[in-house]
Amino acid sequence: MIKARVSAIITAYNSEAFIAEAINSVLKQSFTVDEIVVVDDGSTDGTCAVVAEFASQGIRLVQQHNVGAGGARNRGIRETSGEYIAFLDADDQWLENKTLLQASYLSTHPEVGLVSGFARWWNVAKNTVRIFGKAPRDMNKLRREILVRNVLGNPSMLMLRRSVLAEVGLFNENIRWGQDWELWIRMVERYDVAVIPEPVTIYRWHKDNLSQIPSWERLQSYWNVSLNAIKKSKPAWQRVWLLSRSWSNFTYHRAGYAMRYAYPRWLQVWYAGTAFLVYPFEMTREKLGALVRSLLGDYIYRNGKRAIRSRLQARGPE
């Protein structure tokens, strides 16, 4: 039986088109949360008017000047009182069993400070869905892996204990992108965490979070989070290995952006080649494919793949 109170914190910024779906996904949970607070982070559209329509259903609106996602979540933490805290970005949705699964897990695993889950990654433009997430098998490996990449996911995917935040601190508001990942790293240093191996959230990937310059800046911010965490990690001997993995990973994604937005060919080759040479032991096929694509050019690469695929299909099984 779940005895702890659960607080839901929805953060919104110019989310008029999505906020109602987000709120309804919380209201429809199979395990009812105890309080729902929407923190509007300085929206200039009709977000607040939409939220106001839910006031009779117990939804409380908190408005503030725009300070960013980390500051909005921190405000929500201060405005709520539940022992368990679950976040939701306004353009995401919870699946109906999220709070039941995660609150039950925390109640039966007192050593766990945070529990995440998988996400249904919805590409709105292509109308495709894939499942994102990986359940850790070993906490020591997870403590290393989270220094390289955010293996716990975004805030909409998880639930945590308020008591843990009292010890490790809140979101770092000075970090523009990746402040959630940086907090997870601090939490994992002191507490066990868990990932429930089934989807709990719908993550909406849409045009407003695909712009070129913010994507590049986000990547740099994420790299800084990883770099700073690795520099402080112990034992010290593993830092070079972790930095190689992290640098290769982020440079691979830089190569992808460079090709997507038609950066100069030499820059595409530089990023793709660096990603492969620095650490070719992870995502080997993907990194090699990026290098070949950068060398050949996007047109030749795509048409070459199409021709090879057609020829293989024409030959059929031998």
Protein backbone atom coordinates (compact mmCIF):
# COMPACT_ATOMS: atom_id res chain seq x y z
CA MET A 1 0.00 0.00 0.00
CA ILE A 2 1.27 3.46 -0.94
CA LYS A 3 1.17 5.79 2.05
CA ALA A 4 3.37 8.63 0.77
CA ARG A 5 1.80 11.72 -0.79
CA VAL A 6 2.61 12.33 -4.46
CA SER A 7 3.03 15.80 -5.97
CA ALA A 8 2.84 16.37 -9.73
CA ILE A 9 4.71 19.39 -11.08
CA ILE A 10 3.93 20.44 -14.66
CA THR A 11 6.24 23.08 -16.14
CA ALA A 12 5.05 25.14 -19.10
CA TYR A 13 6.35 27.85 -21.41
CA ASN A 14 4.21 28.95 -24.36
CA SER A 15 2.51 25.55 -24.28
CA GLU A 16 -1.04 26.54 -25.18
CA ALA A 17 -1.26 23.76 -27.78
CA PHE A 18 -0.15 20.98 -25.42
CA ILE A 19 -0.91 21.88 -21.81
CA ALA A 20 -4.46 20.50 -21.70
CA GLU A 21 -3.28 17.06 -22.86
CA ALA A 22 -0.53 17.10 -20.25
CA ILE A 23 -2.93 17.97 -17.42
CA ASN A 24 -5.48 15.39 -18.53
CA SER A 25 -2.79 12.70 -18.58
CA VAL A 26 -2.15 13.41 -14.89
CA LEU A 27 -5.84 13.53 -14.00
CA LYS A 28 -6.39 10.15 -15.67
CA GLN A 29 -3.73 8.31 -13.66
CA SER A 30 -4.82 4.95 -12.27
CA PHE A 31 -3.25 6.04 -8.97
CA THR A 32 -4.49 9.55 -8.17
CA VAL A 33 -1.83 12.08 -7.20
CA ASP A 34 -2.40 14.27 -4.15
CA GLU A 35 -1.66 17.66 -5.70
CA ILE A 36 -1.04 19.06 -9.17
CA VAL A 37 0.77 22.35 -9.68
CA VAL A 38 1.40 23.98 -13.06
CA VAL A 39 4.33 26.41 -13.08
CA ASP A 40 4.02 28.84 -15.98
CA ASP A 41 7.49 30.12 -16.76
CA GLY A 42 6.60 33.47 -18.28
CA SER A 43 4.42 32.35 -21.21
CA THR A 44 3.24 34.99 -23.68
CA ASP A 45 0.52 32.88 -25.31
CA GLY A 46 -2.73 31.47 -23.92
CA THR A 47 -1.17 28.83 -21.66
CA CYS A 48 -2.45 30.35 -18.42
CA ALA A 49 -5.98 30.70 -19.76
CA VAL A 50 -6.07 27.00 -20.64
CA VAL A 51 -4.74 26.01 -17.20
CA ALA A 52 -7.35 28.22 -15.51
CA GLU A 53 -10.08 26.06 -17.04
CA PHE A 54 -8.88 23.17 -14.84
CA ALA A 55 -9.07 25.09 -11.56
CA SER A 56 -12.28 23.33 -10.52
CA GLN A 57 -10.44 20.00 -10.80
CA GLY A 58 -7.83 21.02 -8.26
CA ILE A 59 -5.15 22.25 -10.64
CA ARG A 60 -3.17 25.11 -9.09
CA LEU A 61 -1.44 27.63 -11.35
CA VAL A 62 1.79 29.39 -10.30
CA GLN A 63 3.10 32.15 -12.57
CA GLN A 64 6.59 33.61 -12.69
CA HIS A 65 8.94 35.50 -14.96
CA ASN A 66 10.86 33.32 -17.40
CA VAL A 67 13.88 31.74 -15.69
CA GLY A 68 14.21 28.47 -17.58
CA ALA A 69 13.20 24.86 -17.00
CA GLY A 70 15.38 24.30 -13.95
CA GLY A 71 14.05 27.36 -12.17
CA ALA A 72 10.46 26.40 -13.02
CA ARG A 73 10.92 22.93 -11.55
CA ASN A 74 12.54 24.36 -8.44
CA ARG A 75 9.56 26.68 -7.98
CA GLY A 76 7.25 23.69 -8.28
CA ILE A 77 9.24 21.81 -5.65
CA ARG A 78 8.89 24.72 -3.24
CA GLU A 79 5.17 25.07 -3.95
CA THR A 80 4.37 21.41 -3.19
CA SER A 81 4.70 19.15 -0.17
CA GLY A 82 4.41 15.51 -1.29
CA GLU A 83 7.04 13.00 -0.18
CA TYR A 84 7.25 11.79 -3.79
CA ILE A 85 7.69 14.27 -6.64
CA ALA A 86 6.95 13.62 -10.31
CA PHE A 87 7.62 16.13 -13.10
CA LEU A 88 5.93 16.61 -16.44
CA ASP A 89 6.97 18.95 -19.26
CA ALA A 90 3.88 20.52 -20.82
CA ASP A 91 4.46 18.99 -24.26
CA ASP A 92 4.79 15.46 -22.84
CA GLN A 93 2.15 13.12 -21.44
CA TRP A 94 2.07 10.45 -18.74
CA LEU A 95 0.77 6.98 -19.50
CA GLU A 96 -2.02 6.03 -17.13
CA ASN A 97 -0.04 3.69 -14.84
CA LYS A 98 3.02 5.90 -14.36
CA THR A 99 2.35 7.08 -10.81
CA LEU A 100 1.10 3.66 -9.71
CA LEU A 101 4.20 1.87 -10.98
CA GLN A 102 6.70 4.38 -9.68
CA ALA A 103 5.11 5.22 -6.33
CA SER A 104 4.70 1.50 -5.64
CA TYR A 105 8.35 0.91 -6.46
CA LEU A 106 9.60 3.68 -4.17
CA SER A 107 7.34 2.43 -1.37
CA THR A 108 8.79 -1.08 -1.55
CA HIS A 109 12.43 -0.06 -2.18
CA PRO A 110 13.42 2.44 0.52
CA GLU A 111 17.08 2.40 -0.64
CA VAL A 112 16.09 3.86 -4.03
CA GLY A 113 16.05 7.65 -4.30
CA LEU A 114 14.77 7.94 -7.87
CA VAL A 115 12.87 5.67 -10.23
CA SER A 116 12.57 6.22 -13.98
CA GLY A 117 10.95 4.27 -16.81
CA PHE A 118 10.89 3.99 -20.58
CA ALA A 119 9.38 6.58 -22.94
CA ARG A 120 7.37 6.38 -26.13
CA TRP A 121 9.33 8.75 -28.34
CA TRP A 122 6.81 10.30 -30.71
CA ASN A 123 8.19 12.08 -33.78
CA VAL A 124 5.25 14.32 -34.63
CA ALA A 125 6.50 15.31 -38.10
CA LYS A 126 6.97 11.70 -39.25
CA ASN A 127 4.23 10.31 -36.98
CA THR A 128 6.52 7.52 -35.84
CA VAL A 129 6.93 6.07 -32.34
CA ARG A 130 9.88 4.23 -30.84
CA ILE A 131 10.59 3.09 -27.31
CA PHE A 132 13.44 4.80 -25.50
CA GLY A 133 15.04 3.51 -22.31
CA LYS A 134 17.31 0.86 -20.86
CA ALA A 135 17.06 -0.85 -17.49
CA PRO A 136 20.40 -0.96 -15.62
CA ARG A 137 21.66 -4.31 -14.38
CA ASP A 138 24.38 -3.00 -12.07
CA MET A 139 24.53 0.24 -10.06
CA ASN A 140 28.30 0.55 -10.37
CA LYS A 141 28.04 0.42 -14.17
CA LEU A 142 25.18 2.93 -14.11
CA ARG A 143 27.25 5.31 -11.96
CA ARG A 144 29.92 5.24 -14.67
CA GLU A 145 27.52 5.31 -17.61
CA ILE A 146 25.57 8.34 -16.41
CA LEU A 147 28.77 10.38 -16.61
CA VAL A 148 28.81 9.79 -20.38
CA ARG A 149 25.11 9.98 -21.24
CA ASN A 150 21.81 10.61 -19.48
CA VAL A 151 20.66 7.02 -19.05
CA LEU A 152 17.78 7.97 -16.72
CA GLY A 153 15.94 10.17 -19.20
CA ASN A 154 14.16 13.49 -18.93
CA PRO A 155 12.16 14.65 -15.87
CA SER A 156 8.82 13.53 -17.35
CA MET A 157 10.02 9.92 -17.12
CA LEU A 158 10.76 9.70 -13.41
CA MET A 159 9.68 10.11 -9.79
CA LEU A 160 11.94 10.94 -6.85
CA ARG A 161 11.92 11.38 -3.09
CA ARG A 162 11.76 14.91 -1.69
CA SER A 163 14.16 13.84 1.09
CA VAL A 164 16.86 13.18 -1.51
CA LEU A 165 16.60 16.74 -2.82
CA ALA A 166 17.01 18.03 0.72
CA GLU A 167 20.41 16.33 0.75
CA VAL A 168 21.79 16.79 -2.77
CA GLY A 169 20.14 20.12 -3.66
CA LEU A 170 17.76 21.27 -6.38
CA PHE A 171 18.22 21.85 -10.12
CA ASN A 172 21.19 24.07 -11.00
CA GLU A 173 19.51 27.12 -12.54
CA ASN A 174 22.79 28.31 -14.06
CA ILE A 175 22.74 25.37 -16.50
CA ARG A 176 20.52 26.19 -19.48
CA TRP A 177 20.28 22.66 -20.93
CA GLY A 178 21.08 19.45 -19.11
CA GLN A 179 20.29 20.67 -15.60
CA ASP A 180 18.17 17.56 -15.10
CA TRP A 181 21.05 15.27 -16.08
CA GLU A 182 23.39 17.15 -13.74
CA LEU A 183 20.97 16.62 -10.84
CA TRP A 184 20.63 12.90 -11.62
CA ILE A 185 24.43 12.61 -11.48
CA ARG A 186 24.47 14.17 -8.01
CA MET A 187 21.71 11.85 -6.86
CA VAL A 188 23.34 8.70 -8.23
CA GLU A 189 26.52 9.50 -6.29
CA ARG A 190 24.66 8.93 -3.00
CA TYR A 191 21.59 6.83 -3.76
CA ASP A 192 20.58 3.79 -5.73
CA VAL A 193 18.22 4.44 -8.64
CA ALA A 194 16.02 2.19 -10.74
CA VAL A 195 14.40 2.08 -14.18
CA ILE A 196 11.10 0.27 -14.64
CA PRO A 197 11.41 -1.56 -18.00
CA GLU A 198 8.16 -0.35 -19.54
CA PRO A 199 6.92 2.94 -21.03
CA VAL A 200 5.55 5.47 -18.55
CA THR A 201 5.67 8.65 -20.66
CA ILE A 202 4.98 9.93 -24.16
CA TYR A 203 7.79 12.24 -25.24
CA ARG A 204 6.66 14.53 -28.06
CA TRP A 205 9.41 15.44 -30.56
CA HIS A 206 8.08 18.39 -32.56
CA LYS A 207 9.25 21.33 -34.65
CA ASP A 208 9.58 23.71 -31.69
CA ASN A 209 12.37 21.61 -30.16
CA LEU A 210 14.19 20.95 -33.43
CA SER A 211 15.61 24.40 -34.25
CA GLN A 212 19.21 24.44 -35.44
CA ILE A 213 20.98 26.93 -33.14
CA PRO A 214 19.40 25.80 -29.85
CA SER A 215 20.18 22.18 -30.79
CA TRP A 216 23.86 23.04 -31.22
CA GLU A 217 23.91 25.02 -27.99
CA ARG A 218 22.14 22.22 -26.15
CA LEU A 219 24.78 19.79 -27.32
CA GLN A 220 27.54 22.02 -25.99
CA SER A 221 25.74 22.40 -22.67
CA TYR A 222 25.31 18.61 -22.37
CA TRP A 223 29.01 18.12 -23.09
CA ASN A 224 29.87 20.57 -20.31
CA VAL A 225 27.70 18.61 -17.87
CA SER A 226 29.47 15.39 -18.80
CA LEU A 227 32.94 16.96 -18.75
CA ASN A 228 32.49 18.54 -15.31
CA ALA A 229 31.12 15.30 -13.85
CA ILE A 230 33.94 13.17 -15.28
CA LYS A 231 36.59 15.56 -13.97
CA LYS A 232 35.34 14.94 -10.42
CA SER A 233 34.74 11.21 -10.79
CA LYS A 234 36.65 8.52 -8.91
CA PRO A 235 38.78 6.52 -9.37
CA ALA A 236 40.86 9.04 -11.29
CA TRP A 237 42.36 6.40 -13.62
CA GLN A 238 39.06 5.92 -15.45
CA ARG A 239 38.68 9.58 -16.41
CA VAL A 240 40.63 9.38 -19.68
CA TRP A 241 38.52 6.44 -20.82
CA LEU A 242 35.26 8.19 -19.84
CA LEU A 243 36.32 11.44 -21.51
CA SER A 244 37.17 9.56 -24.71
CA ARG A 245 33.75 7.93 -24.76
CA SER A 246 31.95 11.18 -23.98
CA TRP A 247 33.89 13.28 -26.49
CA SER A 248 33.34 10.67 -29.22
CA ASN A 249 29.61 10.52 -28.44
CA PHE A 250 29.06 14.27 -28.58
CA THR A 251 31.28 14.72 -31.64
CA TYR A 252 29.25 12.04 -33.43
CA HIS A 253 26.11 14.08 -32.76
CA ARG A 254 27.90 17.24 -33.90
CA ALA A 255 28.64 15.46 -37.16
CA GLY A 256 24.95 14.68 -37.51
CA TYR A 257 24.00 18.33 -37.05
CA ALA A 258 26.71 19.44 -39.45
CA MET A 259 25.36 17.14 -42.17
CA ARG A 260 21.72 17.91 -41.46
CA TYR A 261 22.26 21.65 -41.83
CA ALA A 262 24.79 21.44 -44.70
CA TYR A 263 27.84 22.74 -42.86
CA PRO A 264 31.06 22.85 -44.96
CA ARG A 265 32.11 19.36 -46.07
CA TRP A 266 35.50 19.56 -44.31
CA LEU A 267 33.74 20.26 -41.01
CA GLN A 268 31.40 17.30 -41.49
CA VAL A 269 34.39 15.04 -42.17
CA TRP A 270 36.29 16.45 -39.20
CA TYR A 271 33.50 15.75 -36.73
CA ALA A 272 32.63 12.32 -38.15
CA GLY A 273 36.28 11.27 -38.39
CA THR A 274 37.08 12.48 -34.89
CA ALA A 275 34.09 10.64 -33.41
CA PHE A 276 35.18 7.38 -35.04
CA LEU A 277 38.90 7.64 -34.28
CA VAL A 278 38.62 8.80 -30.66
CA TYR A 279 36.46 5.86 -29.57
CA PRO A 280 35.41 3.39 -32.27
CA PHE A 281 34.34 0.68 -29.81
CA GLU A 282 30.79 1.99 -29.23
CA MET A 283 28.23 2.64 -31.95
CA THR A 284 30.90 1.49 -34.42
CA ARG A 285 28.51 0.99 -37.31
CA GLU A 286 26.78 4.35 -36.78
CA LYS A 287 30.05 6.28 -36.49
CA LEU A 288 31.54 4.59 -39.54
CA GLY A 289 28.35 5.31 -41.48
CA ALA A 290 28.56 8.99 -40.53
CA LEU A 291 32.18 9.13 -41.70
CA VAL A 292 31.36 7.53 -45.07
CA ARG A 293 28.38 9.83 -45.50
CA SER A 294 30.47 12.93 -44.74
CA LEU A 295 33.14 11.84 -47.25
CA LEU A 296 30.74 10.97 -50.08
CA GLY A 297 28.22 13.71 -49.50
CA ASP A 298 24.61 13.25 -48.57
CA TYR A 299 23.28 12.85 -52.13
CA ILE A 300 25.73 10.12 -53.19
CA TYR A 301 25.48 8.37 -49.82
CA ARG A 302 21.68 8.16 -49.82
CA ASN A 303 21.39 7.14 -53.46
CA GLY A 304 24.16 4.60 -53.02
CA LYS A 305 22.37 3.01 -50.07
CA ARG A 306 19.14 2.95 -52.06
CA ALA A 307 20.84 1.28 -55.04
CA ILE A 308 22.49 -1.36 -52.85
CA ARG A 309 19.23 -2.10 -51.07
CA SER A 310 17.36 -2.43 -54.37
CA ARG A 311 20.00 -4.76 -55.78
CA LEU A 312 19.89 -6.99 -52.70
CA GLN A 313 16.10 -7.15 -52.88
CA ALA A 314 16.24 -8.01 -56.58
CA ARG A 315 18.66 -10.87 -55.94
CA GLY A 316 16.48 -12.29 -53.18
CA PRO A 317 17.48 -15.20 -50.96
CA GLU A 318 19.92 -17.63 -52.47
